[in-house]
Amino acid sequence: MKLYLVRHGEAAARWSQSRDPGLSERGRQQAYSICGRFRGHAPMSVVASPLLRAQETAAPLAAMWGVDVQRDDAYRELPSLVSFEERAAWLKRVMRGTWDEVDEALVNWRDDAWRAFTSIDTDAVVFSHFMVINAILSRLNGDDRLVSFEPDYISVTAFASSDDGVELIELGKALETVVL
């Protein structure tokens, strides 16, 4: 069975600026471009975080295949444990840390995402968020870092799933960085 984990397209506002932004114009174009990545594939289940940017990213692929987007809270972005005004600074700190350094609520969130992902029983494309992708990869790889991979917008990470477990097939496209 094939599972694909896709980061949503570019949001119209940053995580620290809006609780649930939709996609920017560029993000909408990215959402439509994902159809090209899956053209030629038989229709699969399309699952998405309930957050607007993930829902809007999933919609074109679901429409192309004539399926509904299944909402699943397990793929919701990392829950913030501080006030909205403190979110950006808190996230910056958390992202540099390890799973044994964070609040138990975040470990439970990671484990819920892992359980949901590993319980999918059909080929599926899951649209989610930067930290969810990292949470699933950290569980799979036994990596204690909260961030071990920086997926770009609409990055597609592929997995194979069987009775023996989940295996990483292909890491998606990473964010491009400029060094000096």
N, C-alpha and C. Protein backbone atom coordinates (compact mmCIF):
# COMPACT_ATOMS: atom_id res chain seq x y z
N MET A 1 0.84 -1.17 0.00
CA MET A 1 0.00 0.00 0.00
C MET A 1 0.89 1.24 0.00
N LYS A 2 0.50 2.26 -0.73
CA LYS A 2 1.26 3.51 -0.81
C LYS A 2 0.55 4.60 0.00
N LEU A 3 1.36 5.34 0.75
CA LEU A 3 0.87 6.49 1.49
C LEU A 3 1.73 7.69 1.11
N TYR A 4 1.09 8.80 0.89
CA TYR A 4 1.80 10.02 0.54
C TYR A 4 1.44 11.09 1.56
N LEU A 5 2.44 11.75 2.08
CA LEU A 5 2.25 12.82 3.05
C LEU A 5 2.68 14.13 2.38
N VAL A 6 1.72 15.05 2.22
CA VAL A 6 1.95 16.28 1.46
C VAL A 6 1.82 17.49 2.38
N ARG A 7 2.82 18.36 2.34
CA ARG A 7 2.69 19.63 3.06
C ARG A 7 1.78 20.54 2.25
N HIS A 8 0.95 21.28 2.93
CA HIS A 8 0.03 22.21 2.27
C HIS A 8 0.78 23.25 1.44
N GLY A 9 0.05 23.95 0.58
CA GLY A 9 0.62 25.04 -0.21
C GLY A 9 0.86 26.28 0.65
N GLU A 10 1.47 27.27 0.03
CA GLU A 10 1.80 28.51 0.75
C GLU A 10 0.54 29.16 1.31
N ALA A 11 0.59 29.48 2.59
CA ALA A 11 -0.55 30.10 3.25
C ALA A 11 -0.57 31.61 3.00
N ALA A 12 -1.75 32.20 3.13
CA ALA A 12 -1.91 33.64 2.93
C ALA A 12 -1.35 34.45 4.10
N ALA A 13 -1.11 33.79 5.22
CA ALA A 13 -0.54 34.45 6.40
C ALA A 13 0.34 33.44 7.13
N ARG A 14 1.29 33.93 7.88
CA ARG A 14 2.19 33.08 8.65
C ARG A 14 1.46 32.51 9.86
N TRP A 15 2.01 31.42 10.41
CA TRP A 15 1.45 30.74 11.57
C TRP A 15 1.30 31.69 12.75
N SER A 16 2.22 32.64 12.86
CA SER A 16 2.19 33.59 13.96
C SER A 16 1.23 34.76 13.70
N GLN A 17 0.66 34.84 12.50
CA GLN A 17 -0.22 35.95 12.14
C GLN A 17 -1.70 35.58 12.08
N SER A 18 -2.00 34.30 11.91
CA SER A 18 -3.39 33.88 11.77
C SER A 18 -3.54 32.47 12.32
N ARG A 19 -4.66 32.20 12.95
CA ARG A 19 -4.91 30.87 13.50
C ARG A 19 -5.23 29.85 12.41
N ASP A 20 -5.86 30.30 11.33
CA ASP A 20 -6.26 29.36 10.28
C ASP A 20 -6.34 30.04 8.92
N PRO A 21 -5.18 30.43 8.39
CA PRO A 21 -5.21 31.10 7.09
C PRO A 21 -5.50 30.12 5.95
N GLY A 22 -6.13 30.64 4.91
CA GLY A 22 -6.27 29.87 3.69
C GLY A 22 -4.99 30.00 2.88
N LEU A 23 -5.07 29.61 1.62
CA LEU A 23 -3.90 29.68 0.75
C LEU A 23 -3.74 31.06 0.12
N SER A 24 -2.50 31.43 -0.13
CA SER A 24 -2.20 32.62 -0.92
C SER A 24 -2.49 32.29 -2.39
N GLU A 25 -2.37 33.25 -3.26
CA GLU A 25 -2.55 32.98 -4.69
C GLU A 25 -1.52 31.96 -5.15
N ARG A 26 -0.28 32.12 -4.72
CA ARG A 26 0.77 31.14 -5.06
C ARG A 26 0.40 29.77 -4.51
N GLY A 27 -0.12 29.72 -3.30
CA GLY A 27 -0.53 28.47 -2.69
C GLY A 27 -1.64 27.78 -3.48
N ARG A 28 -2.57 28.56 -4.01
CA ARG A 28 -3.64 27.97 -4.85
C ARG A 28 -3.05 27.37 -6.13
N GLN A 29 -2.08 28.04 -6.71
CA GLN A 29 -1.42 27.49 -7.89
C GLN A 29 -0.68 26.20 -7.53
N GLN A 30 -0.02 26.20 -6.39
CA GLN A 30 0.67 24.99 -5.94
C GLN A 30 -0.31 23.84 -5.74
N ALA A 31 -1.48 24.15 -5.17
CA ALA A 31 -2.49 23.11 -4.93
C ALA A 31 -2.92 22.47 -6.25
N TYR A 32 -3.10 23.27 -7.28
CA TYR A 32 -3.47 22.70 -8.58
C TYR A 32 -2.32 21.92 -9.20
N SER A 33 -1.09 22.36 -8.93
CA SER A 33 0.06 21.67 -9.52
C SER A 33 0.23 20.26 -8.95
N ILE A 34 -0.29 20.01 -7.76
CA ILE A 34 -0.14 18.69 -7.17
C ILE A 34 -0.88 17.64 -8.01
N CYS A 35 -1.88 18.07 -8.75
CA CYS A 35 -2.61 17.14 -9.63
C CYS A 35 -1.66 16.52 -10.65
N GLY A 36 -0.72 17.29 -11.14
CA GLY A 36 0.25 16.76 -12.10
C GLY A 36 1.11 15.66 -11.50
N ARG A 37 1.42 15.79 -10.23
CA ARG A 37 2.24 14.78 -9.53
C ARG A 37 1.51 13.44 -9.47
N PHE A 38 0.18 13.48 -9.39
CA PHE A 38 -0.60 12.25 -9.24
C PHE A 38 -1.39 11.87 -10.49
N ARG A 39 -1.22 12.61 -11.59
CA ARG A 39 -1.88 12.24 -12.83
C ARG A 39 -1.37 10.86 -13.24
N GLY A 40 -2.25 10.01 -13.64
CA GLY A 40 -1.86 8.66 -14.01
C GLY A 40 -2.00 7.67 -12.86
N HIS A 41 -2.11 8.15 -11.62
CA HIS A 41 -2.36 7.26 -10.48
C HIS A 41 -3.86 6.96 -10.43
N ALA A 42 -4.18 5.77 -10.02
CA ALA A 42 -5.58 5.45 -9.76
C ALA A 42 -6.05 6.31 -8.59
N PRO A 43 -7.32 6.66 -8.56
CA PRO A 43 -7.82 7.46 -7.43
C PRO A 43 -7.52 6.79 -6.09
N MET A 44 -7.15 7.62 -5.13
CA MET A 44 -6.85 7.17 -3.77
C MET A 44 -7.70 7.96 -2.79
N SER A 45 -7.68 7.54 -1.55
CA SER A 45 -8.31 8.33 -0.49
C SER A 45 -7.53 9.63 -0.36
N VAL A 46 -8.25 10.71 -0.12
CA VAL A 46 -7.63 12.01 0.12
C VAL A 46 -8.05 12.43 1.53
N VAL A 47 -7.05 12.59 2.39
CA VAL A 47 -7.26 12.92 3.80
C VAL A 47 -6.55 14.23 4.06
N ALA A 48 -7.13 15.07 4.91
CA ALA A 48 -6.48 16.35 5.20
C ALA A 48 -6.76 16.81 6.61
N SER A 49 -5.81 17.57 7.12
CA SER A 49 -6.01 18.32 8.35
C SER A 49 -7.26 19.17 8.18
N PRO A 50 -7.97 19.46 9.26
CA PRO A 50 -9.16 20.32 9.13
C PRO A 50 -8.81 21.79 8.89
N LEU A 51 -7.54 22.16 9.00
CA LEU A 51 -7.17 23.56 8.80
C LEU A 51 -7.31 23.95 7.34
N LEU A 52 -7.74 25.17 7.13
CA LEU A 52 -8.12 25.66 5.80
C LEU A 52 -7.03 25.47 4.75
N ARG A 53 -5.79 25.77 5.08
CA ARG A 53 -4.73 25.67 4.08
C ARG A 53 -4.53 24.23 3.60
N ALA A 54 -4.70 23.26 4.48
CA ALA A 54 -4.60 21.86 4.08
C ALA A 54 -5.83 21.44 3.27
N GLN A 55 -7.00 21.87 3.69
CA GLN A 55 -8.24 21.55 2.97
C GLN A 55 -8.19 22.12 1.54
N GLU A 56 -7.75 23.38 1.42
CA GLU A 56 -7.68 24.01 0.10
C GLU A 56 -6.62 23.37 -0.78
N THR A 57 -5.55 22.88 -0.19
CA THR A 57 -4.51 22.20 -0.97
C THR A 57 -5.02 20.85 -1.48
N ALA A 58 -5.79 20.15 -0.66
CA ALA A 58 -6.31 18.83 -1.03
C ALA A 58 -7.43 18.89 -2.07
N ALA A 59 -8.17 19.97 -2.09
CA ALA A 59 -9.39 20.05 -2.92
C ALA A 59 -9.17 19.77 -4.41
N PRO A 60 -8.17 20.33 -5.08
CA PRO A 60 -8.02 20.05 -6.51
C PRO A 60 -7.76 18.57 -6.82
N LEU A 61 -6.96 17.91 -6.02
CA LEU A 61 -6.68 16.49 -6.26
C LEU A 61 -7.95 15.66 -6.03
N ALA A 62 -8.67 15.96 -4.96
CA ALA A 62 -9.92 15.25 -4.68
C ALA A 62 -10.91 15.45 -5.83
N ALA A 63 -10.98 16.68 -6.34
CA ALA A 63 -11.88 16.96 -7.47
C ALA A 63 -11.45 16.19 -8.71
N MET A 64 -10.15 16.14 -8.98
CA MET A 64 -9.66 15.42 -10.15
C MET A 64 -10.05 13.94 -10.08
N TRP A 65 -9.99 13.37 -8.89
CA TRP A 65 -10.31 11.95 -8.72
C TRP A 65 -11.79 11.70 -8.43
N GLY A 66 -12.56 12.77 -8.20
CA GLY A 66 -13.97 12.59 -7.91
C GLY A 66 -14.22 11.96 -6.55
N VAL A 67 -13.37 12.31 -5.55
CA VAL A 67 -13.54 11.77 -4.20
C VAL A 67 -13.70 12.94 -3.23
N ASP A 68 -14.22 12.65 -2.06
CA ASP A 68 -14.34 13.66 -1.01
C ASP A 68 -13.04 13.75 -0.22
N VAL A 69 -12.76 14.92 0.31
CA VAL A 69 -11.64 15.10 1.22
C VAL A 69 -12.13 14.67 2.60
N GLN A 70 -11.44 13.71 3.20
CA GLN A 70 -11.76 13.25 4.55
C GLN A 70 -10.96 14.09 5.54
N ARG A 71 -11.65 14.77 6.43
CA ARG A 71 -10.98 15.58 7.45
C ARG A 71 -10.56 14.70 8.61
N ASP A 72 -9.35 14.94 9.10
CA ASP A 72 -8.88 14.16 10.24
C ASP A 72 -8.05 15.06 11.16
N ASP A 73 -8.54 15.25 12.37
CA ASP A 73 -7.86 16.10 13.36
C ASP A 73 -6.46 15.61 13.70
N ALA A 74 -6.17 14.34 13.49
CA ALA A 74 -4.85 13.81 13.81
C ALA A 74 -3.75 14.49 13.00
N TYR A 75 -4.11 15.10 11.88
CA TYR A 75 -3.11 15.74 11.02
C TYR A 75 -3.09 17.26 11.17
N ARG A 76 -3.75 17.74 12.21
CA ARG A 76 -3.77 19.18 12.53
C ARG A 76 -2.37 19.61 12.94
N GLU A 77 -2.03 20.86 12.69
CA GLU A 77 -0.71 21.40 13.03
C GLU A 77 -0.42 21.27 14.52
N LEU A 78 0.84 21.30 14.85
CA LEU A 78 1.33 21.25 16.23
C LEU A 78 0.51 22.19 17.11
N PRO A 79 -0.06 21.68 18.20
CA PRO A 79 -0.86 22.57 19.07
C PRO A 79 0.05 23.52 19.85
N SER A 80 -0.31 24.77 19.84
CA SER A 80 0.44 25.78 20.57
C SER A 80 0.03 25.75 22.03
N LEU A 81 1.01 25.77 22.92
CA LEU A 81 0.73 25.69 24.35
C LEU A 81 0.86 27.06 25.03
N VAL A 82 0.88 28.12 24.23
CA VAL A 82 1.01 29.48 24.76
C VAL A 82 -0.02 30.38 24.08
N SER A 83 -0.08 31.62 24.51
CA SER A 83 -1.02 32.58 23.91
C SER A 83 -0.67 32.82 22.43
N PHE A 84 -1.64 33.28 21.69
CA PHE A 84 -1.43 33.55 20.27
C PHE A 84 -0.26 34.51 20.05
N GLU A 85 -0.14 35.50 20.90
CA GLU A 85 0.93 36.50 20.75
C GLU A 85 2.32 35.91 20.98
N GLU A 86 2.40 34.84 21.74
CA GLU A 86 3.70 34.23 22.06
C GLU A 86 4.05 33.06 21.13
N ARG A 87 3.16 32.74 20.20
CA ARG A 87 3.33 31.54 19.37
C ARG A 87 4.63 31.50 18.59
N ALA A 88 4.99 32.59 17.93
CA ALA A 88 6.19 32.58 17.07
C ALA A 88 7.45 32.26 17.88
N ALA A 89 7.64 32.94 19.00
CA ALA A 89 8.83 32.71 19.83
C ALA A 89 8.81 31.29 20.41
N TRP A 90 7.63 30.83 20.85
CA TRP A 90 7.50 29.48 21.40
C TRP A 90 7.86 28.44 20.35
N LEU A 91 7.32 28.58 19.14
CA LEU A 91 7.59 27.61 18.09
C LEU A 91 9.07 27.58 17.74
N LYS A 92 9.69 28.73 17.68
CA LYS A 92 11.11 28.80 17.36
C LYS A 92 11.92 27.99 18.38
N ARG A 93 11.58 28.12 19.65
CA ARG A 93 12.26 27.36 20.72
C ARG A 93 11.99 25.87 20.58
N VAL A 94 10.73 25.52 20.41
CA VAL A 94 10.33 24.11 20.34
C VAL A 94 10.99 23.41 19.16
N MET A 95 11.05 24.08 18.03
CA MET A 95 11.60 23.46 16.82
C MET A 95 13.08 23.10 16.97
N ARG A 96 13.78 23.75 17.86
CA ARG A 96 15.20 23.44 18.09
C ARG A 96 15.39 22.30 19.08
N GLY A 97 14.30 21.84 19.67
CA GLY A 97 14.40 20.87 20.75
C GLY A 97 14.22 19.42 20.33
N THR A 98 14.12 18.60 21.36
CA THR A 98 13.91 17.17 21.17
C THR A 98 12.60 16.76 21.84
N TRP A 99 12.13 15.59 21.47
CA TRP A 99 10.84 15.13 22.00
C TRP A 99 10.88 14.91 23.49
N ASP A 100 12.02 14.58 24.04
CA ASP A 100 12.07 14.37 25.50
C ASP A 100 12.12 15.68 26.27
N GLU A 101 12.21 16.81 25.57
CA GLU A 101 12.23 18.13 26.22
C GLU A 101 10.88 18.82 26.21
N VAL A 102 9.92 18.31 25.46
CA VAL A 102 8.65 19.03 25.30
C VAL A 102 7.58 18.50 26.25
N ASP A 103 6.54 19.27 26.38
CA ASP A 103 5.38 18.92 27.20
C ASP A 103 4.76 17.62 26.72
N GLU A 104 4.22 16.86 27.64
CA GLU A 104 3.59 15.57 27.32
C GLU A 104 2.46 15.73 26.29
N ALA A 105 1.79 16.87 26.30
CA ALA A 105 0.70 17.10 25.34
C ALA A 105 1.23 17.05 23.89
N LEU A 106 2.44 17.54 23.67
CA LEU A 106 3.01 17.50 22.32
C LEU A 106 3.42 16.08 21.94
N VAL A 107 3.94 15.33 22.89
CA VAL A 107 4.29 13.93 22.62
C VAL A 107 3.02 13.15 22.29
N ASN A 108 1.94 13.41 23.01
CA ASN A 108 0.67 12.75 22.72
C ASN A 108 0.15 13.13 21.35
N TRP A 109 0.30 14.40 20.97
CA TRP A 109 -0.11 14.86 19.64
C TRP A 109 0.67 14.10 18.56
N ARG A 110 1.99 13.98 18.75
CA ARG A 110 2.82 13.23 17.80
C ARG A 110 2.36 11.79 17.70
N ASP A 111 2.12 11.17 18.84
CA ASP A 111 1.71 9.77 18.86
C ASP A 111 0.34 9.57 18.21
N ASP A 112 -0.56 10.52 18.38
CA ASP A 112 -1.87 10.45 17.72
C ASP A 112 -1.72 10.53 16.21
N ALA A 113 -0.85 11.42 15.74
CA ALA A 113 -0.61 11.52 14.29
C ALA A 113 -0.02 10.22 13.77
N TRP A 114 0.92 9.64 14.49
CA TRP A 114 1.55 8.38 14.09
C TRP A 114 0.51 7.26 14.02
N ARG A 115 -0.32 7.15 15.05
CA ARG A 115 -1.35 6.10 15.07
C ARG A 115 -2.31 6.25 13.90
N ALA A 116 -2.74 7.47 13.63
CA ALA A 116 -3.66 7.71 12.51
C ALA A 116 -2.99 7.32 11.19
N PHE A 117 -1.75 7.74 11.02
CA PHE A 117 -1.04 7.48 9.77
C PHE A 117 -0.82 5.98 9.56
N THR A 118 -0.41 5.29 10.60
CA THR A 118 -0.12 3.86 10.45
C THR A 118 -1.37 2.99 10.45
N SER A 119 -2.52 3.58 10.73
CA SER A 119 -3.76 2.79 10.68
C SER A 119 -4.50 2.95 9.35
N ILE A 120 -4.00 3.77 8.45
CA ILE A 120 -4.63 3.90 7.13
C ILE A 120 -4.54 2.56 6.44
N ASP A 121 -5.67 2.09 5.90
CA ASP A 121 -5.70 0.74 5.32
C ASP A 121 -5.95 0.72 3.82
N THR A 122 -5.69 1.83 3.15
CA THR A 122 -5.85 1.91 1.71
C THR A 122 -4.84 2.93 1.17
N ASP A 123 -4.53 2.89 -0.11
CA ASP A 123 -3.66 3.91 -0.69
C ASP A 123 -4.27 5.28 -0.39
N ALA A 124 -3.44 6.23 0.03
CA ALA A 124 -3.98 7.52 0.44
C ALA A 124 -2.96 8.64 0.26
N VAL A 125 -3.49 9.83 0.05
CA VAL A 125 -2.70 11.05 0.03
C VAL A 125 -3.20 11.88 1.22
N VAL A 126 -2.28 12.21 2.13
CA VAL A 126 -2.62 12.95 3.34
C VAL A 126 -2.01 14.34 3.25
N PHE A 127 -2.85 15.36 3.37
CA PHE A 127 -2.39 16.75 3.30
C PHE A 127 -2.31 17.30 4.72
N SER A 128 -1.11 17.79 5.06
CA SER A 128 -0.90 18.19 6.44
C SER A 128 0.08 19.35 6.52
N HIS A 129 0.90 19.35 7.57
CA HIS A 129 1.71 20.51 7.94
C HIS A 129 3.16 20.12 8.22
N PHE A 130 4.02 21.11 8.20
CA PHE A 130 5.46 20.98 8.43
C PHE A 130 5.77 20.11 9.65
N MET A 131 5.17 20.45 10.79
CA MET A 131 5.49 19.74 12.02
C MET A 131 4.89 18.35 12.07
N VAL A 132 3.76 18.13 11.43
CA VAL A 132 3.17 16.79 11.39
C VAL A 132 4.09 15.85 10.61
N ILE A 133 4.58 16.33 9.49
CA ILE A 133 5.49 15.52 8.68
C ILE A 133 6.72 15.15 9.52
N ASN A 134 7.25 16.12 10.25
CA ASN A 134 8.40 15.85 11.11
C ASN A 134 8.06 14.88 12.24
N ALA A 135 6.87 15.00 12.80
CA ALA A 135 6.46 14.10 13.87
C ALA A 135 6.40 12.66 13.38
N ILE A 136 5.83 12.46 12.21
CA ILE A 136 5.72 11.11 11.65
C ILE A 136 7.10 10.56 11.29
N LEU A 137 7.93 11.39 10.69
CA LEU A 137 9.29 10.94 10.35
C LEU A 137 10.10 10.63 11.61
N SER A 138 9.94 11.43 12.65
CA SER A 138 10.71 11.18 13.88
C SER A 138 10.32 9.84 14.50
N ARG A 139 9.03 9.52 14.49
CA ARG A 139 8.60 8.22 15.02
C ARG A 139 9.12 7.08 14.16
N LEU A 140 9.03 7.25 12.86
CA LEU A 140 9.49 6.20 11.95
C LEU A 140 10.98 5.94 12.08
N ASN A 141 11.75 7.01 12.15
CA ASN A 141 13.21 6.90 12.16
C ASN A 141 13.83 6.81 13.55
N GLY A 142 13.02 6.94 14.59
CA GLY A 142 13.57 6.93 15.95
C GLY A 142 14.44 8.15 16.21
N ASP A 143 14.14 9.26 15.55
CA ASP A 143 14.90 10.50 15.68
C ASP A 143 14.24 11.36 16.75
N ASP A 144 14.97 11.76 17.76
CA ASP A 144 14.40 12.51 18.87
C ASP A 144 14.21 13.99 18.58
N ARG A 145 14.76 14.49 17.47
CA ARG A 145 14.60 15.91 17.13
C ARG A 145 13.18 16.21 16.68
N LEU A 146 12.65 17.36 17.05
CA LEU A 146 11.34 17.76 16.57
C LEU A 146 11.39 18.09 15.08
N VAL A 147 12.50 18.63 14.62
CA VAL A 147 12.65 18.95 13.20
C VAL A 147 13.90 18.27 12.67
N SER A 148 13.69 17.31 11.79
CA SER A 148 14.81 16.62 11.14
C SER A 148 14.75 16.83 9.63
N PHE A 149 13.65 17.40 9.15
CA PHE A 149 13.42 17.61 7.73
C PHE A 149 12.60 18.88 7.57
N GLU A 150 12.95 19.71 6.60
CA GLU A 150 12.22 20.94 6.35
C GLU A 150 11.50 20.84 5.02
N PRO A 151 10.28 20.27 5.02
CA PRO A 151 9.56 20.09 3.76
C PRO A 151 9.11 21.42 3.17
N ASP A 152 9.29 21.57 1.89
CA ASP A 152 8.83 22.75 1.18
C ASP A 152 7.32 22.67 1.02
N TYR A 153 6.71 23.75 0.57
CA TYR A 153 5.29 23.71 0.25
C TYR A 153 5.04 22.65 -0.82
N ILE A 154 3.99 21.93 -0.69
CA ILE A 154 3.53 20.81 -1.51
C ILE A 154 4.58 19.71 -1.71
N SER A 155 5.51 19.63 -0.78
CA SER A 155 6.47 18.54 -0.76
C SER A 155 5.71 17.23 -0.55
N VAL A 156 6.04 16.21 -1.34
CA VAL A 156 5.37 14.91 -1.26
C VAL A 156 6.37 13.87 -0.76
N THR A 157 6.11 13.34 0.42
CA THR A 157 6.94 12.28 0.99
C THR A 157 6.17 10.97 0.85
N ALA A 158 6.82 9.96 0.28
CA ALA A 158 6.15 8.69 -0.05
C ALA A 158 6.57 7.59 0.92
N PHE A 159 5.59 6.77 1.27
CA PHE A 159 5.80 5.65 2.18
C PHE A 159 5.15 4.40 1.60
N ALA A 160 5.65 3.25 2.00
CA ALA A 160 4.99 1.98 1.72
C ALA A 160 4.53 1.45 3.08
N SER A 161 3.34 0.92 3.11
CA SER A 161 2.79 0.39 4.34
C SER A 161 2.35 -1.04 4.12
N SER A 162 2.67 -1.90 5.07
CA SER A 162 2.27 -3.30 4.99
C SER A 162 2.05 -3.81 6.41
N ASP A 163 1.74 -5.09 6.51
CA ASP A 163 1.57 -5.69 7.84
C ASP A 163 2.86 -5.61 8.65
N ASP A 164 4.00 -5.46 7.97
CA ASP A 164 5.29 -5.37 8.65
C ASP A 164 5.60 -3.97 9.15
N GLY A 165 4.79 -2.98 8.78
CA GLY A 165 5.01 -1.61 9.23
C GLY A 165 5.08 -0.63 8.08
N VAL A 166 5.58 0.55 8.38
CA VAL A 166 5.68 1.64 7.41
C VAL A 166 7.14 1.85 7.07
N GLU A 167 7.40 2.08 5.79
CA GLU A 167 8.76 2.29 5.31
C GLU A 167 8.80 3.57 4.47
N LEU A 168 9.79 4.39 4.71
CA LEU A 168 9.99 5.60 3.91
C LEU A 168 10.51 5.19 2.54
N ILE A 169 9.85 5.63 1.49
CA ILE A 169 10.27 5.34 0.12
C ILE A 169 11.01 6.53 -0.49
N GLU A 170 10.46 7.72 -0.27
CA GLU A 170 11.06 8.92 -0.87
C GLU A 170 10.76 10.13 -0.02
N LEU A 171 11.79 10.82 0.40
CA LEU A 171 11.62 12.06 1.13
C LEU A 171 11.21 13.14 0.14
N GLY A 172 10.28 13.98 0.53
CA GLY A 172 9.82 15.05 -0.35
C GLY A 172 10.87 16.13 -0.54
N LYS A 173 10.49 17.14 -1.31
CA LYS A 173 11.39 18.26 -1.59
C LYS A 173 11.56 19.10 -0.33
N ALA A 174 12.81 19.39 0.00
CA ALA A 174 13.12 20.21 1.16
C ALA A 174 13.09 21.69 0.79
N LEU A 175 12.90 22.52 1.80
CA LEU A 175 12.99 23.96 1.58
C LEU A 175 14.34 24.30 0.99
N GLU A 176 14.35 25.24 0.07
CA GLU A 176 15.63 25.69 -0.49
C GLU A 176 16.16 26.79 0.40
N THR A 177 17.42 26.68 0.76
CA THR A 177 18.03 27.70 1.60
C THR A 177 19.20 28.32 0.86
N VAL A 178 19.47 29.54 1.24
CA VAL A 178 20.61 30.25 0.66
C VAL A 178 21.70 30.30 1.72
N VAL A 179 22.87 29.80 1.38
CA VAL A 179 23.99 29.82 2.31
C VAL A 179 24.90 30.97 1.92
N LEU A 180 25.05 31.91 2.82
CA LEU A 180 25.83 33.13 2.58
C LEU A 180 25.39 33.72 1.31
